[in-house]
Amino acid sequence: MFSKEATVNNEVGLYARPATFFIQKANEYRSTVMVERDDRKVNAKSLLGVLSLGIIKGSTITISAEGPDEEDAVNALCSLIAGNFGE
């Protein structure tokens, strides 16, 4: 298992359009990918799960993955967040 923390800094947080980009990126990998906030952990490939975390600007989340491409998956999602989802 590989994990990293990331802080969401875009204006709307991980909601609607940015969440869609996040899920699409997570689905590019074969590993099981999870995202955690405030002791709640959900599947990063589930839009409803990610939205249920209520990730707003300034939230720190933990992204973890387990599988054949776990490091690539976590690093790609952290890069997406660091780049403010291309906004």
N, C-alpha and C. Protein backbone atom coordinates (compact mmCIF):
# COMPACT_ATOMS: atom_id res chain seq x y z
N MET A 1 0.84 -1.18 0.00
CA MET A 1 0.00 0.00 0.00
C MET A 1 0.89 1.25 0.00
N PHE A 2 0.46 2.23 -0.77
CA PHE A 2 1.18 3.50 -0.90
C PHE A 2 0.18 4.62 -0.66
N SER A 3 0.56 5.63 0.13
CA SER A 3 -0.36 6.74 0.37
C SER A 3 0.40 8.06 0.51
N LYS A 4 -0.34 9.14 0.28
CA LYS A 4 0.19 10.50 0.41
C LYS A 4 -0.94 11.41 0.85
N GLU A 5 -0.56 12.50 1.50
CA GLU A 5 -1.52 13.54 1.84
C GLU A 5 -1.48 14.64 0.79
N ALA A 6 -2.61 15.26 0.56
CA ALA A 6 -2.70 16.38 -0.38
C ALA A 6 -3.70 17.39 0.16
N THR A 7 -3.45 18.66 -0.12
CA THR A 7 -4.36 19.72 0.29
C THR A 7 -5.05 20.27 -0.95
N VAL A 8 -6.37 20.30 -0.90
CA VAL A 8 -7.18 20.79 -2.02
C VAL A 8 -7.26 22.31 -1.92
N ASN A 9 -6.78 23.02 -2.95
CA ASN A 9 -6.72 24.48 -2.89
C ASN A 9 -7.54 25.20 -3.96
N ASN A 10 -8.23 24.45 -4.82
CA ASN A 10 -9.05 25.15 -5.81
C ASN A 10 -10.30 25.72 -5.14
N GLU A 11 -10.94 26.67 -5.77
CA GLU A 11 -12.04 27.43 -5.18
C GLU A 11 -13.22 26.58 -4.71
N VAL A 12 -13.63 25.59 -5.50
CA VAL A 12 -14.85 24.84 -5.15
C VAL A 12 -14.55 23.53 -4.43
N GLY A 13 -13.28 23.23 -4.19
CA GLY A 13 -12.95 21.97 -3.55
C GLY A 13 -13.13 20.80 -4.50
N LEU A 14 -13.40 19.65 -3.95
CA LEU A 14 -13.57 18.44 -4.77
C LEU A 14 -15.06 18.21 -4.97
N TYR A 15 -15.65 19.03 -5.84
CA TYR A 15 -17.09 19.01 -6.06
C TYR A 15 -17.36 19.11 -7.56
N ALA A 16 -18.38 18.44 -8.03
CA ALA A 16 -18.85 18.47 -9.42
C ALA A 16 -17.74 18.23 -10.43
N ARG A 17 -17.35 19.26 -11.17
CA ARG A 17 -16.39 19.08 -12.26
C ARG A 17 -15.02 18.57 -11.78
N PRO A 18 -14.41 19.18 -10.75
CA PRO A 18 -13.13 18.66 -10.27
C PRO A 18 -13.24 17.21 -9.78
N ALA A 19 -14.35 16.88 -9.14
CA ALA A 19 -14.54 15.51 -8.66
C ALA A 19 -14.62 14.54 -9.83
N THR A 20 -15.24 14.95 -10.91
CA THR A 20 -15.32 14.11 -12.11
C THR A 20 -13.93 13.86 -12.66
N PHE A 21 -13.09 14.90 -12.75
CA PHE A 21 -11.71 14.72 -13.21
C PHE A 21 -10.95 13.76 -12.30
N PHE A 22 -11.17 13.90 -11.00
CA PHE A 22 -10.50 13.05 -10.00
C PHE A 22 -10.88 11.59 -10.20
N ILE A 23 -12.17 11.31 -10.35
CA ILE A 23 -12.65 9.94 -10.53
C ILE A 23 -12.15 9.36 -11.85
N GLN A 24 -12.19 10.15 -12.91
CA GLN A 24 -11.70 9.68 -14.21
C GLN A 24 -10.23 9.30 -14.13
N LYS A 25 -9.43 10.10 -13.43
CA LYS A 25 -8.00 9.80 -13.28
C LYS A 25 -7.83 8.53 -12.44
N ALA A 26 -8.56 8.39 -11.37
CA ALA A 26 -8.46 7.19 -10.52
C ALA A 26 -8.81 5.93 -11.30
N ASN A 27 -9.77 6.04 -12.19
CA ASN A 27 -10.21 4.88 -12.98
C ASN A 27 -9.22 4.47 -14.06
N GLU A 28 -8.19 5.26 -14.29
CA GLU A 28 -7.15 4.90 -15.25
C GLU A 28 -6.21 3.82 -14.71
N TYR A 29 -6.32 3.53 -13.42
CA TYR A 29 -5.39 2.61 -12.77
C TYR A 29 -6.09 1.34 -12.30
N ARG A 30 -5.34 0.25 -12.29
CA ARG A 30 -5.88 -1.03 -11.89
C ARG A 30 -5.95 -1.19 -10.37
N SER A 31 -5.14 -0.45 -9.66
CA SER A 31 -5.10 -0.54 -8.20
C SER A 31 -6.42 -0.09 -7.57
N THR A 32 -6.65 -0.58 -6.37
CA THR A 32 -7.76 -0.08 -5.56
C THR A 32 -7.29 1.25 -4.98
N VAL A 33 -8.06 2.30 -5.22
CA VAL A 33 -7.66 3.65 -4.79
C VAL A 33 -8.71 4.17 -3.82
N MET A 34 -8.24 4.67 -2.69
CA MET A 34 -9.14 5.20 -1.66
C MET A 34 -8.77 6.64 -1.34
N VAL A 35 -9.76 7.41 -0.91
CA VAL A 35 -9.51 8.77 -0.45
C VAL A 35 -10.13 8.90 0.93
N GLU A 36 -9.40 9.59 1.83
CA GLU A 36 -9.84 9.67 3.22
C GLU A 36 -9.80 11.11 3.71
N ARG A 37 -10.84 11.46 4.46
CA ARG A 37 -10.91 12.78 5.10
C ARG A 37 -11.62 12.61 6.44
N ASP A 38 -11.04 13.14 7.48
CA ASP A 38 -11.64 13.08 8.82
C ASP A 38 -12.11 11.68 9.21
N ASP A 39 -11.24 10.71 9.07
CA ASP A 39 -11.51 9.32 9.46
C ASP A 39 -12.61 8.64 8.64
N ARG A 40 -13.00 9.22 7.51
CA ARG A 40 -13.94 8.57 6.58
C ARG A 40 -13.16 8.22 5.34
N LYS A 41 -13.28 6.99 4.89
CA LYS A 41 -12.54 6.51 3.74
C LYS A 41 -13.52 5.98 2.70
N VAL A 42 -13.36 6.43 1.44
CA VAL A 42 -14.25 5.98 0.36
C VAL A 42 -13.43 5.59 -0.86
N ASN A 43 -14.07 4.88 -1.74
CA ASN A 43 -13.47 4.48 -3.01
C ASN A 43 -13.28 5.72 -3.88
N ALA A 44 -12.07 5.98 -4.31
CA ALA A 44 -11.77 7.16 -5.13
C ALA A 44 -12.33 7.04 -6.54
N LYS A 45 -12.84 5.87 -6.89
CA LYS A 45 -13.42 5.66 -8.22
C LYS A 45 -14.93 5.83 -8.22
N SER A 46 -15.48 6.23 -7.07
CA SER A 46 -16.92 6.42 -6.91
C SER A 46 -17.26 7.90 -6.75
N LEU A 47 -17.99 8.45 -7.69
CA LEU A 47 -18.36 9.87 -7.62
C LEU A 47 -19.16 10.16 -6.36
N LEU A 48 -20.15 9.33 -6.08
CA LEU A 48 -20.99 9.54 -4.90
C LEU A 48 -20.15 9.46 -3.62
N GLY A 49 -19.23 8.51 -3.57
CA GLY A 49 -18.36 8.38 -2.40
C GLY A 49 -17.50 9.61 -2.19
N VAL A 50 -16.86 10.08 -3.26
CA VAL A 50 -15.98 11.25 -3.16
C VAL A 50 -16.79 12.49 -2.77
N LEU A 51 -17.94 12.68 -3.39
CA LEU A 51 -18.76 13.85 -3.05
C LEU A 51 -19.24 13.80 -1.61
N SER A 52 -19.47 12.59 -1.09
CA SER A 52 -19.98 12.45 0.29
C SER A 52 -18.98 12.91 1.34
N LEU A 53 -17.70 13.03 0.96
CA LEU A 53 -16.69 13.49 1.92
C LEU A 53 -16.75 14.99 2.17
N GLY A 54 -17.41 15.74 1.30
CA GLY A 54 -17.54 17.18 1.48
C GLY A 54 -16.20 17.90 1.50
N ILE A 55 -15.35 17.59 0.54
CA ILE A 55 -14.00 18.16 0.48
C ILE A 55 -14.08 19.58 -0.06
N ILE A 56 -13.73 20.55 0.78
CA ILE A 56 -13.78 21.96 0.40
C ILE A 56 -12.37 22.52 0.29
N LYS A 57 -12.27 23.75 -0.18
CA LYS A 57 -10.96 24.41 -0.29
C LYS A 57 -10.27 24.40 1.06
N GLY A 58 -9.00 23.99 1.06
CA GLY A 58 -8.21 23.93 2.28
C GLY A 58 -8.24 22.57 2.98
N SER A 59 -9.07 21.65 2.51
CA SER A 59 -9.15 20.32 3.11
C SER A 59 -7.89 19.53 2.80
N THR A 60 -7.39 18.82 3.81
CA THR A 60 -6.29 17.89 3.60
C THR A 60 -6.87 16.49 3.56
N ILE A 61 -6.53 15.77 2.50
CA ILE A 61 -7.03 14.42 2.32
C ILE A 61 -5.85 13.46 2.19
N THR A 62 -6.12 12.19 2.42
CA THR A 62 -5.12 11.16 2.22
C THR A 62 -5.57 10.27 1.08
N ILE A 63 -4.71 10.10 0.10
CA ILE A 63 -4.99 9.22 -1.03
C ILE A 63 -4.12 8.00 -0.87
N SER A 64 -4.74 6.82 -0.92
CA SER A 64 -3.98 5.58 -0.80
C SER A 64 -4.39 4.62 -1.90
N ALA A 65 -3.47 3.75 -2.26
CA ALA A 65 -3.75 2.78 -3.31
C ALA A 65 -3.02 1.48 -2.98
N GLU A 66 -3.62 0.39 -3.45
CA GLU A 66 -3.00 -0.91 -3.29
C GLU A 66 -3.20 -1.69 -4.58
N GLY A 67 -2.11 -2.13 -5.15
CA GLY A 67 -2.18 -2.88 -6.39
C GLY A 67 -0.94 -2.69 -7.24
N PRO A 68 -1.00 -3.15 -8.48
CA PRO A 68 0.19 -3.16 -9.33
C PRO A 68 0.72 -1.78 -9.72
N ASP A 69 -0.13 -0.77 -9.74
CA ASP A 69 0.30 0.57 -10.14
C ASP A 69 -0.03 1.61 -9.05
N GLU A 70 0.07 1.17 -7.80
CA GLU A 70 -0.34 2.00 -6.67
C GLU A 70 0.39 3.34 -6.58
N GLU A 71 1.71 3.33 -6.74
CA GLU A 71 2.46 4.59 -6.64
C GLU A 71 2.10 5.54 -7.76
N ASP A 72 1.97 5.02 -8.98
CA ASP A 72 1.59 5.86 -10.11
C ASP A 72 0.21 6.49 -9.89
N ALA A 73 -0.73 5.71 -9.38
CA ALA A 73 -2.09 6.19 -9.15
C ALA A 73 -2.09 7.33 -8.13
N VAL A 74 -1.45 7.12 -6.99
CA VAL A 74 -1.43 8.14 -5.94
C VAL A 74 -0.71 9.39 -6.42
N ASN A 75 0.43 9.23 -7.07
CA ASN A 75 1.18 10.39 -7.56
C ASN A 75 0.40 11.17 -8.60
N ALA A 76 -0.31 10.48 -9.48
CA ALA A 76 -1.10 11.16 -10.52
C ALA A 76 -2.24 11.96 -9.90
N LEU A 77 -2.91 11.39 -8.90
CA LEU A 77 -4.02 12.10 -8.25
C LEU A 77 -3.50 13.30 -7.44
N CYS A 78 -2.36 13.14 -6.80
CA CYS A 78 -1.77 14.27 -6.07
C CYS A 78 -1.35 15.38 -7.02
N SER A 79 -0.84 15.02 -8.18
CA SER A 79 -0.47 16.02 -9.20
C SER A 79 -1.70 16.76 -9.72
N LEU A 80 -2.79 16.03 -9.91
CA LEU A 80 -4.04 16.63 -10.37
C LEU A 80 -4.52 17.67 -9.35
N ILE A 81 -4.45 17.31 -8.07
CA ILE A 81 -4.86 18.24 -7.01
C ILE A 81 -3.92 19.44 -6.96
N ALA A 82 -2.62 19.20 -7.02
CA ALA A 82 -1.64 20.29 -6.96
C ALA A 82 -1.81 21.25 -8.12
N GLY A 83 -2.25 20.76 -9.27
CA GLY A 83 -2.49 21.60 -10.44
C GLY A 83 -3.88 22.20 -10.47
N ASN A 84 -4.59 22.13 -9.34
CA ASN A 84 -5.96 22.68 -9.22
C ASN A 84 -6.90 22.16 -10.29
N PHE A 85 -6.73 20.90 -10.66
CA PHE A 85 -7.61 20.22 -11.62
C PHE A 85 -7.65 20.91 -12.97
N GLY A 86 -6.57 21.60 -13.31
CA GLY A 86 -6.46 22.27 -14.60
C GLY A 86 -7.26 23.54 -14.71
N GLU A 87 -7.72 24.06 -13.59
CA GLU A 87 -8.54 25.29 -13.62
C GLU A 87 -7.68 26.52 -13.53
